Protein backbone atom coordinates (compact mmCIF):
# COMPACT_ATOMS: atom_id res chain seq x y z
CA MET A 1 145.25 31.53 271.21
CA PRO A 2 146.89 34.28 269.12
CA LYS A 3 148.55 37.04 271.14
CA LYS A 4 146.44 39.84 269.61
CA GLN A 5 143.17 38.00 270.39
CA ARG A 6 144.31 37.37 273.95
CA LYS A 7 145.06 41.06 274.41
CA ALA A 8 141.57 41.94 273.13
CA ILE A 9 139.87 39.55 275.57
CA GLU A 10 141.79 40.65 278.66
CA PRO A 11 140.23 44.16 278.90
CA ALA A 12 136.74 42.67 278.46
CA VAL A 13 137.40 40.22 281.29
CA LYS A 14 138.75 42.95 283.51
CA GLY A 15 135.75 45.17 282.75
CA PHE A 16 133.33 42.35 283.52
CA PHE A 17 135.19 41.67 286.77
CA LYS A 18 134.98 45.33 287.78
CA TRP A 19 131.24 45.46 287.07
CA GLY A 20 130.82 42.28 289.09
CA LEU A 21 132.56 43.93 292.04
CA VAL A 22 130.27 46.97 291.70
CA VAL A 23 127.14 44.80 291.67
CA VAL A 24 128.34 42.82 294.70
CA GLY A 25 129.22 46.05 296.50
CA VAL A 26 125.80 47.60 295.83
CA ALA A 27 124.02 44.43 296.93
CA ALA A 28 126.09 44.31 300.13
CA ALA A 29 125.36 47.98 300.85
CA MET A 30 121.62 47.48 300.32
CA PHE A 31 121.64 44.47 302.62
CA LEU A 32 123.51 46.47 305.28
CA VAL A 33 121.05 49.37 305.02
CA GLN A 34 118.07 47.01 305.32
CA LEU A 35 119.69 45.33 308.31
CA ILE A 36 120.31 48.64 310.06
CA LEU A 37 116.82 49.94 309.27
CA GLY A 38 115.35 46.67 310.53
CA LEU A 39 116.97 47.28 313.90
CA PHE A 40 115.23 50.65 314.27
CA PHE A 41 112.12 50.50 312.11
CA ALA A 42 109.37 48.05 311.16
CA ASN A 43 106.92 48.05 308.27
CA ASP A 44 103.39 47.07 309.31
CA ARG A 45 100.06 46.66 307.52
CA ILE A 46 96.83 47.69 309.23
CA ALA A 47 94.09 45.09 309.64
CA GLY A 48 90.71 45.72 311.23
CA GLU A 49 88.64 48.81 311.95
CA SER A 50 89.62 49.58 315.54
CA MET A 51 91.74 52.62 314.60
CA ALA A 52 89.34 54.07 312.00
CA PRO A 53 89.11 56.66 310.61
CA ASN A 54 92.77 57.53 311.27
CA LEU A 55 94.10 54.13 310.19
CA THR A 56 92.08 51.77 308.02
CA PRO A 57 92.55 48.23 306.66
CA GLY A 58 95.31 48.06 304.06
CA ASP A 59 97.17 51.15 305.28
CA ARG A 60 100.92 50.62 305.62
CA VAL A 61 102.88 52.34 308.38
CA VAL A 62 106.47 52.74 309.55
CA VAL A 63 107.00 51.88 313.21
CA SER A 64 109.98 53.21 315.16
CA ARG A 65 111.33 50.49 317.41
CA ASN A 66 112.32 51.36 320.99
CA ALA A 67 111.09 54.96 320.59
CA PRO A 68 109.96 56.71 323.79
CA VAL A 69 106.20 56.48 324.26
CA ALA A 70 104.13 59.61 324.91
CA ARG A 71 100.44 60.17 325.52
CA PHE A 72 98.33 59.83 322.36
CA ASP A 73 101.08 57.99 320.48
CA VAL A 74 99.87 55.12 318.32
CA ILE A 75 101.81 52.01 319.31
CA THR A 76 102.10 48.40 318.21
CA PHE A 77 102.45 45.70 320.84
CA GLU A 78 102.11 41.99 321.45
CA SER A 79 98.54 40.99 322.22
CA PRO A 80 98.09 40.32 325.95
CA ILE A 81 95.70 37.46 325.16
CA GLU A 82 96.90 36.09 321.80
CA PRO A 83 100.65 35.36 321.89
CA GLY A 84 102.29 35.98 318.54
CA ARG A 85 99.63 38.45 317.38
CA GLU A 86 100.27 42.19 317.08
CA TYR A 87 97.81 44.89 318.12
CA ILE A 88 97.78 48.60 317.31
CA LYS A 89 96.13 51.15 319.62
CA ARG A 90 96.55 54.68 320.97
CA VAL A 91 98.12 55.42 324.34
CA ILE A 92 95.63 57.23 326.58
CA GLY A 93 97.02 56.59 330.05
CA MET A 94 100.67 56.89 331.06
CA PRO A 95 102.21 55.34 334.21
CA GLY A 96 100.86 57.04 337.33
CA ASP A 97 97.83 58.58 335.60
CA THR A 98 94.25 58.47 336.74
CA ILE A 99 91.93 58.09 333.73
CA ALA A 100 88.19 58.62 333.50
CA PHE A 101 85.59 59.19 330.80
CA ARG A 102 82.47 61.12 331.75
CA GLY A 103 79.91 62.37 329.26
CA ASP A 104 82.14 61.30 326.37
CA VAL A 105 84.97 63.49 327.69
CA LEU A 106 88.43 62.28 328.72
CA TYR A 107 89.78 63.31 332.12
CA VAL A 108 93.47 62.74 332.82
CA ASN A 109 94.46 63.24 336.46
CA GLY A 110 91.18 65.08 336.95
CA GLN A 111 91.77 67.49 334.07
CA ARG A 112 89.49 67.64 331.04
CA THR A 113 91.68 66.56 328.11
CA PRO A 114 90.72 67.04 324.44
CA GLU A 115 91.19 64.19 321.98
CA PRO A 116 91.87 66.09 318.73
CA PHE A 117 92.43 62.88 316.77
CA LEU A 118 88.75 61.94 317.12
CA SER A 119 86.56 63.30 314.34
CA ASP A 120 83.15 64.61 315.48
CA GLN A 121 81.72 63.72 312.08
CA PHE A 122 83.01 60.16 312.34
CA LYS A 123 81.68 59.88 315.89
CA ARG A 124 78.17 60.98 314.86
CA LYS A 125 78.17 58.72 311.81
CA THR A 126 79.38 55.71 313.82
CA LEU A 127 76.86 56.21 316.61
CA ALA A 128 74.01 56.62 314.13
CA PHE A 129 75.04 53.40 312.38
CA GLU A 130 75.32 51.52 315.69
CA ALA A 131 71.89 52.72 316.76
CA GLU A 132 70.36 51.71 313.45
CA GLN A 133 71.96 48.26 313.62
CA ASN A 134 70.67 47.74 317.15
CA GLY A 135 67.22 49.15 316.40
CA GLU A 136 67.67 51.89 318.98
CA THR A 137 65.82 55.20 318.98
CA GLY A 138 66.12 58.38 321.01
CA ASN A 139 69.39 59.61 322.46
CA SER A 140 72.53 58.09 320.96
CA PRO A 141 74.90 56.25 323.30
CA ALA A 142 78.29 57.78 324.09
CA PHE A 143 81.12 57.19 321.63
CA THR A 144 83.24 56.29 324.67
CA PRO A 145 80.98 54.98 327.46
CA ASP A 146 81.76 56.28 330.96
CA PHE A 147 84.42 54.44 332.93
CA THR A 148 87.25 54.86 335.42
CA LEU A 149 90.26 52.63 335.95
CA GLN A 150 88.63 51.35 339.12
CA SER A 151 85.30 50.59 337.46
CA LEU A 152 86.83 48.40 334.74
CA LYS A 153 87.23 44.75 335.70
CA ALA A 154 90.22 44.48 333.35
CA THR A 155 92.16 47.22 335.15
CA HIS A 156 90.55 47.80 338.57
CA ALA A 157 93.28 50.14 339.77
CA ARG A 158 93.44 53.71 341.03
CA THR A 159 96.24 54.66 338.63
CA VAL A 160 98.05 53.22 335.62
CA PRO A 161 100.84 51.02 337.08
CA GLN A 162 104.49 51.90 336.52
CA GLY A 163 105.88 50.37 333.33
CA GLU A 164 102.40 49.98 331.80
CA TYR A 165 99.97 51.91 329.57
CA LEU A 166 96.23 52.24 329.09
CA VAL A 167 95.44 51.96 325.37
CA LEU A 168 92.24 52.52 323.39
CA GLY A 169 91.32 52.24 319.73
CA ASP A 170 90.15 55.41 318.00
CA ASN A 171 86.99 53.61 316.87
CA ARG A 172 85.76 53.16 320.43
CA PRO A 173 82.46 51.32 319.78
CA VAL A 174 84.23 48.40 318.04
CA SER A 175 87.72 48.49 319.54
CA TYR A 176 88.97 45.62 321.69
CA ASP A 177 91.40 47.39 324.00
CA SER A 178 92.43 48.04 327.62
CA ARG A 179 88.79 48.20 328.64
CA LYS A 180 88.71 44.44 327.99
CA PHE A 181 92.28 43.12 328.30
CA GLY A 182 93.79 45.57 330.79
CA PHE A 183 97.04 47.49 330.77
CA VAL A 184 99.83 46.96 328.25
CA LYS A 185 103.29 46.36 329.66
CA GLN A 186 106.10 48.53 328.36
CA ALA A 187 108.10 45.38 327.59
CA ALA A 188 105.34 44.23 325.20
CA VAL A 189 105.54 47.39 323.04
CA PHE A 190 107.13 46.86 319.62
CA GLY A 191 107.28 50.53 318.70
CA VAL A 192 105.61 53.85 317.93
CA VAL A 193 103.90 54.53 314.59
CA LYS A 194 105.67 57.44 312.88
CA TRP A 195 104.39 57.53 309.28
CA ARG A 196 101.70 56.16 307.04
CA TYR A 197 103.25 55.81 303.60
CA TRP A 198 100.49 53.86 301.82
CA PRO A 199 98.18 54.72 300.15
CA LEU A 200 100.30 57.54 298.75
CA ASN A 201 97.38 59.99 298.79
CA LYS A 202 97.02 59.42 302.55
CA TRP A 203 100.68 59.93 303.47
CA GLN A 204 100.81 61.22 307.03
CA LYS A 205 103.28 61.81 309.83
CA PHE A 206 102.05 60.82 313.30
């Protein structure tokens, strides 16, 4: 190969090599970021109506792994009855709490406790629909029927045990939750929902 032609090719080869290193570096950095994020966050898709109207089928959320759990946090956890399946519910009872519902009102350790995440409009609409479906007339049933931890067969305890939580779905009439399967162990919790990022017009921080 002529010397002049060889000199012309060498810069092109070097430039291609440099761009190759840049591409490899960017790919490696992206992989590292995804790996690190995967250790602390999860991306989940909502299925089912148990958390309506706050979370509905198709919503996508970011879950913070190993985040501390507080009352009224929305958490994801391994199903106590279906190994390998993930549930999403709201924490109502913390370890050591007494929990009761009377007259559709939550009492935590004997204190009346508001549930600001429950929409009165949604409650009325849901109860009216349930009554219509069941052919009921007269007074509507409670959105959250009365219970105590002791009255529920699934829990039957005076207080929420240490290292466990009482969880309920926001859509109480249809939610399959601690009223049926009992307490959720802390070790079964995958994480705490922090953001809904999809659909974009419903972006929300929890």
